[in-house]
Structure formats: C-alpha cells, structure tokens
Amino acid sequence: MYNGVKALIEAEKSIPDSPDLHRYTGKDIPNWIPSNKSLVKKCLTPDVWKALKDKKDSFGCTLGHIINSGVKNEDSGVGVYAGGPETYTIFAPLMDKVKFYFKHLR
C-alpha cells in the first residue's frame, strides 16, 4: 500500500497546477445553458455580477472561485461555495439570495 500511495503522490506532482483551474475566468456573467437549474444561476443577476466581479477576500477568493462549481457542473443544485467566513459578507448580494432561496424553496 505504501508504494501505491507513494506512486500516486508522484503522479499528482506531474499534473499542471493552473491558477484558473478552480475559478470561472469569464469577463462577463456566465452564459448559462437552459437546463442549468442551480441557485447561483437564479441569483447571479447582471447587477449582482457588476457589483461583485472585482471583489476579493483576504484569502484571494473571488467571485469566479465561488461560482465555479455552478458554472462547470450544470447539474449543481446550489452552485456556489464559500471560500471562507468572509465570503458571506464580501459577496453578500449573491450569498444572501442563495441562502434565502435554499431555505425557502426546498
């Protein structure tokens, strides 16, 4: 088992680490596919996008990071992940809407 884990660690080292791998990098609001039913699609209006697109928390988490799941996984139910506690205040125009719909529409 040790050799298998060691080989896996070595194999992971060869995977290129792109800073854009874990964030949506589009310059505009995502172009959602019609079948996407995620809460982030419902809550990320053009006004919310405009207000938050240049925000960043102290960990470097951006709007692109927190919405990445909903953009990449069209079957995502919520589609937004907090990067840390600050996400809920810095990105409140989005996060408050998502929390409201999650609580009231389940």
N, C-alpha and C. Protein backbone atom coordinates (compact mmCIF):
# COMPACT_ATOMS: atom_id res chain seq x y z
N MET A 1 0.82 -1.20 0.00
CA MET A 1 0.00 0.00 0.00
C MET A 1 0.86 1.26 0.00
N TYR A 2 1.94 1.23 0.79
CA TYR A 2 2.83 2.38 0.86
C TYR A 2 3.34 2.76 -0.52
N ASN A 3 3.78 1.76 -1.29
CA ASN A 3 4.30 2.04 -2.63
C ASN A 3 3.23 2.61 -3.55
N GLY A 4 1.99 2.14 -3.38
CA GLY A 4 0.89 2.67 -4.19
C GLY A 4 0.61 4.14 -3.88
N VAL A 5 0.60 4.48 -2.60
CA VAL A 5 0.38 5.87 -2.19
C VAL A 5 1.53 6.74 -2.67
N LYS A 6 2.74 6.24 -2.53
CA LYS A 6 3.92 6.98 -2.97
C LYS A 6 3.85 7.24 -4.48
N ALA A 7 3.44 6.23 -5.25
CA ALA A 7 3.32 6.39 -6.70
C ALA A 7 2.24 7.41 -7.05
N LEU A 8 1.15 7.40 -6.30
CA LEU A 8 0.08 8.37 -6.54
C LEU A 8 0.55 9.79 -6.27
N ILE A 9 1.28 9.98 -5.20
CA ILE A 9 1.82 11.31 -4.87
C ILE A 9 2.74 11.79 -5.99
N GLU A 10 3.58 10.92 -6.48
CA GLU A 10 4.49 11.28 -7.58
C GLU A 10 3.71 11.61 -8.85
N ALA A 11 2.65 10.85 -9.13
CA ALA A 11 1.84 11.11 -10.32
C ALA A 11 1.14 12.46 -10.21
N GLU A 12 0.67 12.81 -9.02
CA GLU A 12 -0.01 14.10 -8.83
C GLU A 12 0.94 15.27 -9.06
N LYS A 13 2.21 15.08 -8.79
CA LYS A 13 3.18 16.16 -9.00
C LYS A 13 3.30 16.54 -10.47
N SER A 14 2.96 15.61 -11.37
CA SER A 14 3.08 15.89 -12.80
C SER A 14 1.86 16.62 -13.37
N ILE A 15 0.81 16.76 -12.57
CA ILE A 15 -0.39 17.46 -13.04
C ILE A 15 -0.13 18.96 -12.99
N PRO A 16 -0.28 19.66 -14.11
CA PRO A 16 -0.04 21.10 -14.09
C PRO A 16 -1.04 21.81 -13.18
N ASP A 17 -0.55 22.72 -12.38
CA ASP A 17 -1.40 23.48 -11.48
C ASP A 17 -1.66 24.85 -12.09
N SER A 18 -2.84 25.04 -12.58
CA SER A 18 -3.22 26.30 -13.20
C SER A 18 -4.01 27.13 -12.21
N PRO A 19 -3.69 28.41 -12.05
CA PRO A 19 -4.47 29.25 -11.14
C PRO A 19 -5.92 29.41 -11.62
N ASP A 20 -6.19 29.12 -12.87
CA ASP A 20 -7.54 29.25 -13.40
C ASP A 20 -8.33 27.95 -13.33
N LEU A 21 -7.72 26.90 -12.83
CA LEU A 21 -8.38 25.60 -12.78
C LEU A 21 -9.62 25.62 -11.88
N HIS A 22 -9.56 26.39 -10.81
CA HIS A 22 -10.62 26.37 -9.80
C HIS A 22 -11.44 27.65 -9.75
N ARG A 23 -11.50 28.36 -10.86
CA ARG A 23 -12.33 29.56 -10.87
C ARG A 23 -12.84 29.84 -12.27
N TYR A 24 -14.03 30.44 -12.30
CA TYR A 24 -14.60 30.90 -13.57
C TYR A 24 -13.82 32.14 -13.97
N THR A 25 -13.34 32.19 -15.20
CA THR A 25 -12.48 33.29 -15.63
C THR A 25 -13.11 34.19 -16.69
N GLY A 26 -14.39 33.99 -16.94
CA GLY A 26 -15.05 34.82 -17.95
C GLY A 26 -15.10 36.28 -17.53
N LYS A 27 -15.09 37.14 -18.50
CA LYS A 27 -15.14 38.58 -18.23
C LYS A 27 -16.56 39.08 -18.00
N ASP A 28 -17.53 38.28 -18.39
CA ASP A 28 -18.94 38.64 -18.23
C ASP A 28 -19.66 37.54 -17.47
N ILE A 29 -20.88 37.84 -17.08
CA ILE A 29 -21.71 36.87 -16.39
C ILE A 29 -21.75 35.58 -17.23
N PRO A 30 -21.72 34.42 -16.59
CA PRO A 30 -21.71 33.17 -17.36
C PRO A 30 -22.89 33.07 -18.31
N ASN A 31 -22.65 32.43 -19.43
CA ASN A 31 -23.70 32.16 -20.41
C ASN A 31 -24.28 30.79 -20.06
N TRP A 32 -25.28 30.79 -19.18
CA TRP A 32 -25.84 29.55 -18.64
C TRP A 32 -26.58 28.76 -19.71
N ILE A 33 -26.48 27.44 -19.63
CA ILE A 33 -27.29 26.61 -20.52
C ILE A 33 -28.71 26.55 -19.95
N PRO A 34 -29.72 26.41 -20.78
CA PRO A 34 -31.11 26.44 -20.30
C PRO A 34 -31.43 25.38 -19.25
N SER A 35 -30.78 24.22 -19.32
CA SER A 35 -31.10 23.15 -18.37
C SER A 35 -30.47 23.37 -16.98
N ASN A 36 -29.60 24.38 -16.83
CA ASN A 36 -28.99 24.65 -15.53
C ASN A 36 -30.05 25.22 -14.59
N LYS A 37 -30.30 24.52 -13.49
CA LYS A 37 -31.32 24.92 -12.53
C LYS A 37 -30.71 25.37 -11.20
N SER A 38 -29.42 25.66 -11.18
CA SER A 38 -28.74 25.98 -9.93
C SER A 38 -29.22 27.32 -9.35
N LEU A 39 -29.09 27.43 -8.04
CA LEU A 39 -29.46 28.68 -7.37
C LEU A 39 -28.53 29.82 -7.78
N VAL A 40 -27.28 29.51 -8.07
CA VAL A 40 -26.37 30.58 -8.48
C VAL A 40 -26.82 31.19 -9.80
N LYS A 41 -27.34 30.38 -10.69
CA LYS A 41 -27.85 30.91 -11.96
C LYS A 41 -29.03 31.84 -11.70
N LYS A 42 -29.90 31.44 -10.78
CA LYS A 42 -31.09 32.23 -10.46
C LYS A 42 -30.71 33.55 -9.77
N CYS A 43 -29.67 33.51 -8.93
CA CYS A 43 -29.35 34.66 -8.08
C CYS A 43 -28.28 35.60 -8.65
N LEU A 44 -27.47 35.12 -9.57
CA LEU A 44 -26.40 35.95 -10.11
C LEU A 44 -26.93 36.78 -11.28
N THR A 45 -27.59 37.85 -10.94
CA THR A 45 -28.15 38.76 -11.94
C THR A 45 -27.05 39.64 -12.50
N PRO A 46 -27.28 40.31 -13.61
CA PRO A 46 -26.27 41.23 -14.13
C PRO A 46 -25.86 42.31 -13.12
N ASP A 47 -26.82 42.81 -12.33
CA ASP A 47 -26.48 43.82 -11.32
C ASP A 47 -25.59 43.25 -10.23
N VAL A 48 -25.88 42.03 -9.79
CA VAL A 48 -25.06 41.38 -8.77
C VAL A 48 -23.67 41.11 -9.33
N TRP A 49 -23.61 40.62 -10.57
CA TRP A 49 -22.31 40.38 -11.23
C TRP A 49 -21.48 41.65 -11.24
N LYS A 50 -22.09 42.74 -11.69
CA LYS A 50 -21.37 44.02 -11.80
C LYS A 50 -20.84 44.48 -10.44
N ALA A 51 -21.64 44.29 -9.40
CA ALA A 51 -21.24 44.74 -8.06
C ALA A 51 -20.12 43.89 -7.46
N LEU A 52 -20.03 42.62 -7.85
CA LEU A 52 -19.11 41.71 -7.17
C LEU A 52 -17.93 41.23 -8.01
N LYS A 53 -17.93 41.47 -9.30
CA LYS A 53 -16.94 40.85 -10.19
C LYS A 53 -15.49 41.19 -9.84
N ASP A 54 -15.25 42.31 -9.20
CA ASP A 54 -13.87 42.69 -8.87
C ASP A 54 -13.54 42.54 -7.39
N LYS A 55 -14.43 41.95 -6.62
CA LYS A 55 -14.21 41.78 -5.18
C LYS A 55 -13.32 40.57 -4.92
N LYS A 56 -12.63 40.62 -3.77
CA LYS A 56 -11.74 39.53 -3.37
C LYS A 56 -11.65 39.54 -1.85
N ASP A 57 -11.62 38.36 -1.24
CA ASP A 57 -11.46 38.31 0.21
C ASP A 57 -9.98 38.23 0.58
N SER A 58 -9.69 38.17 1.86
CA SER A 58 -8.29 38.18 2.31
C SER A 58 -7.54 36.90 1.93
N PHE A 59 -8.25 35.86 1.54
CA PHE A 59 -7.61 34.63 1.08
C PHE A 59 -7.40 34.63 -0.43
N GLY A 60 -7.86 35.69 -1.11
CA GLY A 60 -7.75 35.77 -2.56
C GLY A 60 -8.92 35.16 -3.29
N CYS A 61 -9.96 34.80 -2.56
CA CYS A 61 -11.15 34.18 -3.16
C CYS A 61 -11.96 35.25 -3.90
N THR A 62 -12.28 34.96 -5.14
CA THR A 62 -13.01 35.91 -5.98
C THR A 62 -14.39 35.36 -6.32
N LEU A 63 -15.20 36.16 -6.97
CA LEU A 63 -16.50 35.71 -7.45
C LEU A 63 -16.32 34.50 -8.36
N GLY A 64 -15.29 34.53 -9.19
CA GLY A 64 -15.02 33.40 -10.08
C GLY A 64 -14.78 32.10 -9.33
N HIS A 65 -14.14 32.19 -8.18
CA HIS A 65 -13.92 30.99 -7.37
C HIS A 65 -15.23 30.45 -6.80
N ILE A 66 -16.04 31.33 -6.23
CA ILE A 66 -17.22 30.83 -5.51
C ILE A 66 -18.32 30.33 -6.45
N ILE A 67 -18.36 30.80 -7.69
CA ILE A 67 -19.39 30.35 -8.63
C ILE A 67 -18.90 29.24 -9.56
N ASN A 68 -17.64 28.88 -9.47
CA ASN A 68 -17.06 27.91 -10.39
C ASN A 68 -17.84 26.60 -10.46
N SER A 69 -18.25 26.09 -9.32
CA SER A 69 -18.98 24.82 -9.30
C SER A 69 -20.26 24.89 -10.11
N GLY A 70 -21.00 25.97 -9.96
CA GLY A 70 -22.25 26.12 -10.70
C GLY A 70 -22.05 26.32 -12.19
N VAL A 71 -20.92 26.91 -12.56
CA VAL A 71 -20.62 27.12 -13.98
C VAL A 71 -20.16 25.80 -14.62
N LYS A 72 -19.28 25.09 -13.94
CA LYS A 72 -18.69 23.87 -14.51
C LYS A 72 -19.62 22.65 -14.41
N ASN A 73 -20.48 22.63 -13.40
CA ASN A 73 -21.35 21.47 -13.16
C ASN A 73 -22.79 21.90 -13.35
N GLU A 74 -23.28 21.75 -14.55
CA GLU A 74 -24.62 22.24 -14.88
C GLU A 74 -25.74 21.56 -14.08
N ASP A 75 -25.45 20.43 -13.46
CA ASP A 75 -26.46 19.75 -12.66
C ASP A 75 -26.38 20.11 -11.18
N SER A 76 -25.57 21.10 -10.86
CA SER A 76 -25.41 21.53 -9.47
C SER A 76 -26.70 22.15 -8.95
N GLY A 77 -27.08 21.80 -7.75
CA GLY A 77 -28.31 22.35 -7.18
C GLY A 77 -28.12 23.75 -6.63
N VAL A 78 -27.01 23.99 -5.96
CA VAL A 78 -26.73 25.31 -5.39
C VAL A 78 -25.74 26.05 -6.28
N GLY A 79 -24.58 25.46 -6.52
CA GLY A 79 -23.63 26.01 -7.47
C GLY A 79 -22.73 27.11 -6.97
N VAL A 80 -22.70 27.32 -5.67
CA VAL A 80 -21.82 28.34 -5.10
C VAL A 80 -21.24 27.79 -3.81
N TYR A 81 -19.95 28.04 -3.60
CA TYR A 81 -19.26 27.59 -2.40
C TYR A 81 -18.53 28.77 -1.77
N ALA A 82 -18.66 28.91 -0.47
CA ALA A 82 -17.95 29.96 0.25
C ALA A 82 -16.48 29.60 0.33
N GLY A 83 -15.64 30.60 0.12
CA GLY A 83 -14.20 30.39 0.24
C GLY A 83 -13.75 30.46 1.68
N GLY A 84 -14.54 31.07 2.52
CA GLY A 84 -14.23 31.24 3.94
C GLY A 84 -15.32 32.08 4.57
N PRO A 85 -15.21 32.38 5.85
CA PRO A 85 -16.25 33.15 6.53
C PRO A 85 -16.52 34.52 5.90
N GLU A 86 -15.47 35.16 5.38
CA GLU A 86 -15.62 36.49 4.78
C GLU A 86 -16.50 36.47 3.53
N THR A 87 -16.57 35.33 2.88
CA THR A 87 -17.36 35.21 1.64
C THR A 87 -18.78 35.68 1.85
N TYR A 88 -19.34 35.36 3.02
CA TYR A 88 -20.74 35.69 3.28
C TYR A 88 -20.98 37.19 3.41
N THR A 89 -19.98 37.95 3.79
CA THR A 89 -20.15 39.41 3.88
C THR A 89 -19.68 40.11 2.62
N ILE A 90 -18.53 39.73 2.10
CA ILE A 90 -17.99 40.39 0.89
C ILE A 90 -18.90 40.14 -0.31
N PHE A 91 -19.42 38.93 -0.42
CA PHE A 91 -20.27 38.57 -1.55
C PHE A 91 -21.73 38.47 -1.13
N ALA A 92 -22.12 39.26 -0.13
CA ALA A 92 -23.48 39.21 0.43
C ALA A 92 -24.59 39.39 -0.61
N PRO A 93 -24.46 40.27 -1.60
CA PRO A 93 -25.55 40.40 -2.57
C PRO A 93 -25.89 39.09 -3.29
N LEU A 94 -24.93 38.21 -3.44
CA LEU A 94 -25.18 36.90 -4.02
C LEU A 94 -25.51 35.87 -2.94
N MET A 95 -24.68 35.81 -1.93
CA MET A 95 -24.83 34.77 -0.91
C MET A 95 -26.16 34.89 -0.15
N ASP A 96 -26.60 36.10 0.13
CA ASP A 96 -27.87 36.26 0.84
C ASP A 96 -29.05 35.74 0.01
N LYS A 97 -29.01 36.00 -1.28
CA LYS A 97 -30.07 35.48 -2.17
C LYS A 97 -30.05 33.97 -2.23
N VAL A 98 -28.86 33.40 -2.36
CA VAL A 98 -28.73 31.94 -2.43
C VAL A 98 -29.24 31.32 -1.13
N LYS A 99 -28.83 31.88 0.02
CA LYS A 99 -29.29 31.34 1.31
C LYS A 99 -30.81 31.44 1.43
N PHE A 100 -31.39 32.55 0.99
CA PHE A 100 -32.84 32.72 1.06
C PHE A 100 -33.56 31.65 0.25
N TYR A 101 -33.17 31.49 -1.01
CA TYR A 101 -33.83 30.50 -1.88
C TYR A 101 -33.58 29.08 -1.39
N PHE A 102 -32.40 28.81 -0.87
CA PHE A 102 -32.10 27.47 -0.37
C PHE A 102 -33.01 27.15 0.81
N LYS A 103 -33.20 28.11 1.67
CA LYS A 103 -34.01 27.90 2.88
C LYS A 103 -35.49 27.79 2.56
N HIS A 104 -35.99 28.64 1.65
CA HIS A 104 -37.42 28.76 1.42
C HIS A 104 -37.97 27.94 0.24
N LEU A 105 -37.13 27.45 -0.61
CA LEU A 105 -37.62 26.73 -1.78
C LEU A 105 -37.28 25.25 -1.77
N ARG A 106 -36.86 24.74 -0.66
CA ARG A 106 -36.52 23.31 -0.57
C ARG A 106 -37.75 22.48 -0.38
